[in-house]
């Protein structure tokens, strides 16, 4: 799936769930978590991005390589100063 900041959430409605308290309110902060991949080939299948707005998961997708994802995050950060990004690295050599 290509990453697009203006696309509707890629999480099926039935699978969205609150990730915080039961209030579910929007605190104005966008949070993006990235599960990086050390795979030398086919990393786009195993690099995942999840986005929460307030306390609700609004996007879960894969399909981008490292360079495209990095470009997407930089562009997103330039448009949204309240963006928080977390990256999960395995810090291992590719297989």
N, C-alpha and C. Protein backbone atom coordinates (compact mmCIF):
# COMPACT_ATOMS: atom_id res chain seq x y z
N UNK A 1 0.83 -1.18 0.00
CA UNK A 1 0.00 0.00 0.00
C UNK A 1 0.87 1.24 0.00
N UNK A 2 0.65 2.15 -0.90
CA UNK A 2 1.43 3.39 -0.85
C UNK A 2 0.98 4.26 0.31
N UNK A 3 1.91 5.00 0.87
CA UNK A 3 1.60 5.89 1.97
C UNK A 3 1.11 7.21 1.42
N UNK A 4 0.00 7.69 1.91
CA UNK A 4 -0.53 8.97 1.48
C UNK A 4 -1.10 9.70 2.68
N UNK A 5 -0.62 10.91 2.96
CA UNK A 5 -1.10 11.63 4.14
C UNK A 5 -2.56 12.02 4.04
N UNK A 6 -3.13 12.03 2.85
CA UNK A 6 -4.52 12.45 2.69
C UNK A 6 -5.47 11.30 2.43
N UNK A 7 -4.97 10.06 2.45
CA UNK A 7 -5.83 8.93 2.18
C UNK A 7 -6.65 8.57 3.41
N UNK A 8 -7.81 7.96 3.21
CA UNK A 8 -8.56 7.51 4.37
C UNK A 8 -7.78 6.42 5.09
N UNK A 9 -8.13 6.20 6.33
CA UNK A 9 -7.43 5.20 7.12
C UNK A 9 -7.49 3.85 6.42
N UNK A 10 -6.40 3.12 6.50
CA UNK A 10 -6.33 1.81 5.87
C UNK A 10 -6.66 0.69 6.84
N UNK A 11 -7.19 1.04 7.99
CA UNK A 11 -7.62 0.04 8.96
C UNK A 11 -9.11 -0.15 8.78
N UNK A 12 -9.57 -1.38 8.50
CA UNK A 12 -11.01 -1.58 8.36
C UNK A 12 -11.75 -1.09 9.60
N UNK A 13 -12.90 -0.46 9.39
CA UNK A 13 -13.64 0.16 10.48
C UNK A 13 -13.85 -0.79 11.64
N UNK A 14 -14.17 -2.02 11.38
CA UNK A 14 -14.41 -2.98 12.45
C UNK A 14 -13.17 -3.31 13.26
N UNK A 15 -11.99 -2.99 12.74
CA UNK A 15 -10.76 -3.32 13.44
C UNK A 15 -10.16 -2.13 14.17
N UNK A 16 -10.74 -0.94 14.02
CA UNK A 16 -10.24 0.22 14.75
C UNK A 16 -10.61 0.07 16.20
N UNK A 17 -9.70 0.43 17.06
CA UNK A 17 -10.01 0.36 18.47
C UNK A 17 -9.24 1.43 19.22
N UNK A 18 -9.77 1.82 20.33
CA UNK A 18 -9.12 2.81 21.16
C UNK A 18 -7.84 2.21 21.73
N UNK A 19 -6.78 3.01 21.74
CA UNK A 19 -5.52 2.53 22.29
C UNK A 19 -5.19 3.22 23.61
N UNK A 20 -6.09 4.05 24.10
CA UNK A 20 -5.87 4.76 25.37
C UNK A 20 -7.04 4.59 26.29
N UNK A 21 -7.35 5.64 27.04
CA UNK A 21 -8.46 5.58 27.97
C UNK A 21 -9.78 5.55 27.21
N UNK A 22 -10.85 5.30 27.91
CA UNK A 22 -12.15 5.15 27.27
C UNK A 22 -12.70 6.46 26.75
N UNK A 23 -12.07 7.61 27.07
CA UNK A 23 -12.59 8.89 26.59
C UNK A 23 -12.47 9.01 25.08
N UNK A 24 -11.40 8.44 24.48
CA UNK A 24 -11.23 8.44 23.04
C UNK A 24 -11.09 9.81 22.42
N UNK A 25 -10.87 10.85 23.23
CA UNK A 25 -10.79 12.21 22.72
C UNK A 25 -9.53 12.46 21.92
N UNK A 26 -9.57 13.47 21.08
CA UNK A 26 -8.42 13.85 20.27
C UNK A 26 -7.63 14.91 21.03
N UNK A 27 -6.41 14.58 21.39
CA UNK A 27 -5.59 15.55 22.13
C UNK A 27 -4.76 16.42 21.20
N UNK A 28 -5.00 16.35 19.88
CA UNK A 28 -4.31 17.20 18.92
C UNK A 28 -2.96 16.68 18.47
N UNK A 29 -2.51 15.55 18.96
CA UNK A 29 -1.20 15.02 18.61
C UNK A 29 -1.38 13.81 17.69
N UNK A 30 -0.66 13.85 16.58
CA UNK A 30 -0.58 12.67 15.70
C UNK A 30 0.65 11.88 16.10
N UNK A 31 0.49 10.58 16.22
CA UNK A 31 1.61 9.71 16.58
C UNK A 31 1.75 8.64 15.51
N UNK A 32 2.97 8.50 14.99
CA UNK A 32 3.24 7.47 14.00
C UNK A 32 4.32 6.55 14.57
N UNK A 33 4.04 5.25 14.53
CA UNK A 33 5.01 4.25 14.96
C UNK A 33 5.39 3.42 13.73
N UNK A 34 6.68 3.17 13.58
CA UNK A 34 7.18 2.41 12.44
C UNK A 34 7.93 1.19 12.95
N UNK A 35 7.50 0.02 12.48
CA UNK A 35 8.22 -1.22 12.75
C UNK A 35 9.12 -1.44 11.55
N UNK A 36 10.40 -1.12 11.72
CA UNK A 36 11.39 -1.16 10.64
C UNK A 36 11.73 -2.61 10.33
N UNK A 37 12.42 -2.85 9.26
CA UNK A 37 12.81 -4.20 8.87
C UNK A 37 14.27 -4.23 8.48
N UNK A 38 14.96 -5.28 8.89
CA UNK A 38 16.35 -5.46 8.50
C UNK A 38 16.50 -6.33 7.27
N UNK A 39 15.39 -6.72 6.65
CA UNK A 39 15.45 -7.60 5.49
C UNK A 39 16.17 -6.93 4.33
N UNK A 40 17.08 -7.65 3.70
CA UNK A 40 17.82 -7.11 2.57
C UNK A 40 16.95 -7.06 1.31
N UNK A 41 16.01 -7.99 1.19
CA UNK A 41 15.13 -8.07 0.03
C UNK A 41 13.68 -8.13 0.53
N UNK A 42 12.81 -7.40 -0.10
CA UNK A 42 11.39 -7.46 0.24
C UNK A 42 11.02 -6.76 1.53
N UNK A 43 11.82 -5.78 1.95
CA UNK A 43 11.56 -5.09 3.21
C UNK A 43 10.21 -4.39 3.19
N UNK A 44 9.74 -3.98 2.01
CA UNK A 44 8.46 -3.27 1.95
C UNK A 44 7.29 -4.12 2.46
N UNK A 45 7.46 -5.43 2.47
CA UNK A 45 6.41 -6.30 3.01
C UNK A 45 6.44 -6.35 4.54
N UNK A 46 7.60 -6.04 5.13
CA UNK A 46 7.73 -6.19 6.57
C UNK A 46 7.96 -4.88 7.32
N UNK A 47 7.98 -3.76 6.60
CA UNK A 47 8.03 -2.45 7.25
C UNK A 47 6.58 -2.00 7.42
N UNK A 48 6.18 -1.75 8.67
CA UNK A 48 4.80 -1.37 8.96
C UNK A 48 4.75 0.00 9.60
N UNK A 49 3.71 0.76 9.26
CA UNK A 49 3.46 2.07 9.84
C UNK A 49 2.08 2.03 10.49
N UNK A 50 2.01 2.52 11.72
CA UNK A 50 0.72 2.68 12.41
C UNK A 50 0.60 4.13 12.83
N UNK A 51 -0.59 4.71 12.64
CA UNK A 51 -0.82 6.09 13.04
C UNK A 51 -2.00 6.16 13.98
N UNK A 52 -1.83 6.92 15.07
CA UNK A 52 -2.92 7.19 16.00
C UNK A 52 -3.14 8.70 16.03
N UNK A 53 -4.37 9.08 16.10
CA UNK A 53 -4.73 10.49 16.31
C UNK A 53 -5.50 10.54 17.61
N UNK A 54 -4.96 11.31 18.53
CA UNK A 54 -5.54 11.25 19.86
C UNK A 54 -5.32 9.85 20.40
N UNK A 55 -6.39 9.16 20.69
CA UNK A 55 -6.29 7.81 21.27
C UNK A 55 -6.86 6.73 20.36
N UNK A 56 -6.98 7.05 19.06
CA UNK A 56 -7.61 6.12 18.13
C UNK A 56 -6.65 5.75 17.00
N UNK A 57 -6.51 4.46 16.73
CA UNK A 57 -5.71 3.97 15.61
C UNK A 57 -6.44 4.31 14.32
N UNK A 58 -5.80 5.09 13.44
CA UNK A 58 -6.46 5.50 12.21
C UNK A 58 -5.80 4.95 10.95
N UNK A 59 -4.62 4.37 11.08
CA UNK A 59 -3.93 3.88 9.89
C UNK A 59 -2.98 2.78 10.28
N UNK A 60 -2.98 1.71 9.49
CA UNK A 60 -2.04 0.61 9.64
C UNK A 60 -1.75 0.10 8.25
N UNK A 61 -0.48 0.24 7.81
CA UNK A 61 -0.17 -0.13 6.45
C UNK A 61 1.29 -0.50 6.27
N UNK A 62 1.54 -1.20 5.18
CA UNK A 62 2.89 -1.53 4.75
C UNK A 62 2.96 -1.31 3.25
N UNK A 63 4.10 -1.64 2.65
CA UNK A 63 4.20 -1.56 1.20
C UNK A 63 5.20 -0.54 0.68
N UNK A 64 5.87 0.18 1.57
CA UNK A 64 6.88 1.15 1.14
C UNK A 64 8.27 0.67 1.51
N UNK A 65 9.23 1.01 0.68
CA UNK A 65 10.60 0.71 1.04
C UNK A 65 11.10 1.78 2.01
N UNK A 66 12.32 1.61 2.49
CA UNK A 66 12.87 2.52 3.51
C UNK A 66 12.93 3.97 3.03
N UNK A 67 13.39 4.18 1.80
CA UNK A 67 13.55 5.54 1.29
C UNK A 67 12.20 6.24 1.16
N UNK A 68 11.21 5.56 0.60
CA UNK A 68 9.87 6.15 0.45
C UNK A 68 9.25 6.46 1.80
N UNK A 69 9.44 5.57 2.76
CA UNK A 69 8.89 5.80 4.09
C UNK A 69 9.57 6.99 4.77
N UNK A 70 10.88 7.08 4.66
CA UNK A 70 11.61 8.21 5.25
C UNK A 70 11.15 9.53 4.61
N UNK A 71 10.99 9.55 3.29
CA UNK A 71 10.51 10.75 2.60
C UNK A 71 9.11 11.12 3.08
N UNK A 72 8.26 10.12 3.25
CA UNK A 72 6.90 10.35 3.73
C UNK A 72 6.90 10.95 5.14
N UNK A 73 7.72 10.42 6.02
CA UNK A 73 7.77 10.92 7.40
C UNK A 73 8.30 12.35 7.45
N UNK A 74 9.31 12.65 6.65
CA UNK A 74 9.86 14.01 6.62
C UNK A 74 8.81 15.00 6.10
N UNK A 75 8.11 14.63 5.04
CA UNK A 75 7.06 15.50 4.50
C UNK A 75 5.94 15.69 5.52
N UNK A 76 5.54 14.61 6.18
CA UNK A 76 4.49 14.69 7.20
C UNK A 76 4.91 15.62 8.34
N UNK A 77 6.14 15.49 8.78
CA UNK A 77 6.64 16.31 9.89
C UNK A 77 6.70 17.79 9.51
N UNK A 78 6.99 18.08 8.25
CA UNK A 78 7.04 19.49 7.83
C UNK A 78 5.66 20.11 7.79
N UNK A 79 4.62 19.29 7.57
CA UNK A 79 3.24 19.80 7.54
C UNK A 79 2.59 19.83 8.91
N UNK A 80 3.04 18.96 9.82
CA UNK A 80 2.38 18.79 11.12
C UNK A 80 3.40 18.89 12.24
N UNK A 81 3.60 20.08 12.82
CA UNK A 81 4.59 20.23 13.88
C UNK A 81 4.29 19.39 15.13
N UNK A 82 3.02 19.01 15.33
CA UNK A 82 2.65 18.23 16.51
C UNK A 82 2.87 16.73 16.31
N UNK A 83 3.49 16.34 15.22
CA UNK A 83 3.71 14.94 14.91
C UNK A 83 4.79 14.34 15.80
N UNK A 84 4.51 13.16 16.35
CA UNK A 84 5.49 12.39 17.12
C UNK A 84 5.71 11.09 16.37
N UNK A 85 6.99 10.74 16.13
CA UNK A 85 7.32 9.52 15.38
C UNK A 85 8.22 8.64 16.23
N UNK A 86 7.88 7.36 16.30
CA UNK A 86 8.72 6.38 16.97
C UNK A 86 9.14 5.31 15.98
N UNK A 87 10.43 4.95 15.99
CA UNK A 87 10.96 3.94 15.07
C UNK A 87 11.48 2.76 15.86
N UNK A 88 11.05 1.56 15.48
CA UNK A 88 11.48 0.33 16.12
C UNK A 88 12.50 -0.34 15.19
N UNK A 89 13.77 -0.27 15.59
CA UNK A 89 14.85 -0.87 14.81
C UNK A 89 15.33 -2.15 15.48
N UNK A 90 15.63 -3.15 14.68
CA UNK A 90 16.17 -4.41 15.21
C UNK A 90 17.69 -4.31 15.40
N UNK A 91 18.34 -3.38 14.70
CA UNK A 91 19.79 -3.22 14.75
C UNK A 91 20.53 -4.54 14.53
N UNK A 92 20.22 -5.15 13.41
CA UNK A 92 20.92 -6.38 13.04
C UNK A 92 21.29 -6.28 11.56
N UNK A 93 22.18 -7.14 11.15
CA UNK A 93 22.58 -7.18 9.74
C UNK A 93 21.49 -7.86 8.93
N UNK A 94 21.27 -7.40 7.68
CA UNK A 94 20.29 -8.07 6.82
C UNK A 94 20.72 -9.50 6.58
N UNK A 95 19.74 -10.35 6.37
CA UNK A 95 20.04 -11.77 6.09
C UNK A 95 20.43 -11.95 4.66
